[in-house]
C-alpha atoms as a PDB file:
ATOM      1  CA  MET A   1       9.480   4.322   0.492  1.00  0.00           C
ATOM      2  CA  THR A   2      10.789   5.110  -2.942  1.00  0.00           C
ATOM      3  CA  ASN A   3       9.043   5.040  -6.007  1.00  0.00           C
ATOM      4  CA  TRP A   4      11.301   2.122  -7.254  1.00  0.00           C
ATOM      5  CA  ALA A   5      10.861   0.294  -3.782  1.00  0.00           C
ATOM      6  CA  ALA A   6       6.873   0.651  -4.344  1.00  0.00           C
ATOM      7  CA  LYS A   7       6.865  -0.763  -7.742  1.00  0.00           C
ATOM      8  CA  ALA A   8       9.084  -3.802  -6.587  1.00  0.00           C
ATOM      9  CA  THR A   9       6.859  -4.307  -3.548  1.00  0.00           C
ATOM     10  CA  LEU A  10       3.740  -4.343  -5.870  1.00  0.00           C
ATOM     11  CA  PHE A  11       5.281  -6.875  -8.228  1.00  0.00           C
ATOM     12  CA  ALA A  12       6.177  -8.946  -5.693  1.00  0.00           C
ATOM     13  CA  VAL A  13       2.653  -8.910  -4.497  1.00  0.00           C
ATOM     14  CA  LYS A  14       1.262  -9.561  -8.100  1.00  0.00           C
ATOM     15  CA  THR A  15       3.633 -12.409  -8.635  1.00  0.00           C
ATOM     16  CA  SER A  16       3.144 -13.909  -5.237  1.00  0.00           C
ATOM     17  CA  THR A  17      -0.959 -14.038  -6.405  1.00  0.00           C
ATOM     18  CA  VAL A  18       0.431 -15.389  -9.715  1.00  0.00           C
ATOM     19  CA  VAL A  19       2.072 -18.515  -8.200  1.00  0.00           C
ATOM     20  CA  GLU A  20      -0.397 -19.230  -6.033  1.00  0.00           C
ATOM     21  CA  LYS A  21      -3.102 -19.323  -8.898  1.00  0.00           C
ATOM     22  CA  SER A  22      -1.262 -21.103 -11.142  1.00  0.00           C
ATOM     23  CA  THR A  23       0.100 -23.274  -8.893  1.00  0.00           C
ATOM     24  CA  ALA A  24      -3.722 -24.105  -7.704  1.00  0.00           C
ATOM     25  CA  SER A  25      -5.227 -23.757 -11.212  1.00  0.00           C
ATOM     26  CA  GLY A  26      -2.525 -25.463 -13.233  1.00  0.00           C
ATOM     27  CA  CYS A  27      -2.362 -22.598 -15.279  1.00  0.00           C
ATOM     28  CA  SER A  28       0.926 -22.350 -17.415  1.00  0.00           C
ATOM     29  CA  ASN A  29       1.453 -19.423 -19.238  1.00  0.00           C
ATOM     30  CA  ASP A  30       1.699 -16.805 -16.645  1.00  0.00           C
ATOM     31  CA  VAL A  31       4.677 -14.557 -17.316  1.00  0.00           C
ATOM     32  CA  ILE A  32       6.889 -14.826 -14.224  1.00  0.00           C
ATOM     33  CA  CYS A  33      10.007 -13.153 -15.391  1.00  0.00           C
ATOM     34  CA  ARG A  34       8.918 -10.041 -16.732  1.00  0.00           C
ATOM     35  CA  CYS A  35      12.126  -8.462 -17.754  1.00  0.00           C
ATOM     36  CA  LEU A  36      12.872 -11.869 -20.233  1.00  0.00           C
ATOM     37  CA  GLY A  37       8.951 -13.092 -20.574  1.00  0.00           C
ATOM     38  CA  VAL A  38       9.531 -16.406 -19.039  1.00  0.00           C
ATOM     39  CA  THR A  39       6.440 -18.079 -17.974  1.00  0.00           C
ATOM     40  CA  SER A  40       5.795 -20.711 -15.170  1.00  0.00           C
ATOM     41  CA  GLU A  41       5.389 -23.383 -18.029  1.00  0.00           C
ATOM     42  CA  GLU A  42       9.039 -22.489 -19.165  1.00  0.00           C
ATOM     43  CA  ILE A  43       9.814 -22.741 -15.332  1.00  0.00           C
ATOM     44  CA  ASP A  44       7.913 -25.861 -14.896  1.00  0.00           C
ATOM     45  CA  SER A  45       9.943 -27.176 -18.084  1.00  0.00           C
ATOM     46  CA  ALA A  46      13.122 -26.229 -16.475  1.00  0.00           C
ATOM     47  CA  VAL A  47      12.196 -28.252 -13.380  1.00  0.00           C
ATOM     48  CA  SER A  48      11.052 -31.390 -14.944  1.00  0.00           C
ATOM     49  CA  VAL A  49      13.325 -31.812 -17.871  1.00  0.00           C
ATOM     50  CA  PHE A  50      16.294 -30.277 -16.749  1.00  0.00           C
ATOM     51  CA  ASN A  51      15.984 -31.064 -12.976  1.00  0.00           C
ATOM     52  CA  ALA A  52      16.573 -27.251 -11.913  1.00  0.00           C
ATOM     53  CA  GLU A  53      16.880 -27.025  -8.199  1.00  0.00           C
ATOM     54  CA  SER A  54      18.036 -23.297  -7.563  1.00  0.00           C
ATOM     55  CA  VAL A  55      17.843 -19.833  -9.185  1.00  0.00           C
ATOM     56  CA  GLN A  56      21.094 -19.935 -10.660  1.00  0.00           C
ATOM     57  CA  ASP A  57      19.552 -23.423 -12.231  1.00  0.00           C
ATOM     58  CA  LEU A  58      16.559 -21.537 -13.832  1.00  0.00           C
ATOM     59  CA  LYS A  59      18.840 -18.818 -15.023  1.00  0.00           C
ATOM     60  CA  GLN A  60      20.765 -21.225 -17.237  1.00  0.00           C
ATOM     61  CA  GLN A  61      18.204 -22.946 -18.629  1.00  0.00           C
ATOM     62  CA  THR A  62      15.489 -19.923 -19.003  1.00  0.00           C
ATOM     63  CA  GLY A  63      17.148 -16.729 -18.627  1.00  0.00           C
ATOM     64  CA  ALA A  64      14.716 -16.077 -15.639  1.00  0.00           C
ATOM     65  CA  GLY A  65      15.899 -13.926 -12.673  1.00  0.00           C
ATOM     66  CA  SER A  66      18.708 -12.566 -14.792  1.00  0.00           C
ATOM     67  CA  GLY A  67      17.586  -9.274 -15.355  1.00  0.00           C
ATOM     68  CA  CYS A  68      16.242  -7.023 -12.594  1.00  0.00           C
ATOM     69  CA  THR A  69      16.238  -9.704 -10.418  1.00  0.00           C
ATOM     70  CA  ALA A  70      12.791  -8.948  -9.168  1.00  0.00           C
ATOM     71  CA  CYS A  71      11.303 -12.046  -9.720  1.00  0.00           C
ATOM     72  CA  HIS A  72      13.952 -14.300  -7.393  1.00  0.00           C
ATOM     73  CA  ARG A  73      11.543 -14.597  -4.496  1.00  0.00           C
ATOM     74  CA  VAL A  74       8.574 -16.033  -6.815  1.00  0.00           C
ATOM     75  CA  LEU A  75      11.406 -18.532  -8.770  1.00  0.00           C
ATOM     76  CA  LYS A  76      12.046 -19.674  -5.385  1.00  0.00           C
ATOM     77  CA  GLN A  77       8.706 -20.264  -3.986  1.00  0.00           C
ATOM     78  CA  ILE A  78       7.978 -21.980  -7.417  1.00  0.00           C
ATOM     79  CA  LEU A  79      11.114 -24.122  -6.419  1.00  0.00           C
ATOM     80  CA  ALA A  80       9.628 -24.822  -3.179  1.00  0.00           C
ATOM     81  CA  ALA A  81       6.657 -25.592  -4.135  1.00  0.00           C
ATOM     82  CA  ARG A  82       7.240 -28.183  -7.021  1.00  0.00           C
ATOM     83  CA  ARG A  83       9.935 -29.556  -4.363  1.00  0.00           C
ATOM     84  CA  GLU A  84       6.864 -30.249  -2.242  1.00  0.00           C
ATOM     85  CA  GLN A  85       4.869 -31.874  -4.473  1.00  0.00           C
ATOM     86  CA  PHE A  86       7.396 -34.361  -5.456  1.00  0.00           C
ATOM     87  CA  GLU A  87       8.130 -35.327  -1.737  1.00  0.00           C
ATOM     88  CA  ASN A  88       4.208 -35.841  -1.086  1.00  0.00           C
ATOM     89  CA  SER A  89       4.301 -38.176  -4.383  1.00  0.00           C
ATOM     90  CA  LEU A  90       6.965 -40.212  -2.890  1.00  0.00           C
END
């Protein structure tokens, strides 16, 4: 595994843990996109206010995911979790 691949894997593991913690605890200031400094609070706002439903929507609304793209997996997890929360609330 190259140094870059190892760093990307470690980043994915760390951010996956952040998503789980922020979803469970309601914590809203964890940085999700490190390239642009986008927090989970900003992601939540994009989902609730602007109805972001895809990574592309999040890119347009917050800039998240438009740098190195390492956060795409986490962004997809957040979107899936929010979608599940919405469906369970119906």
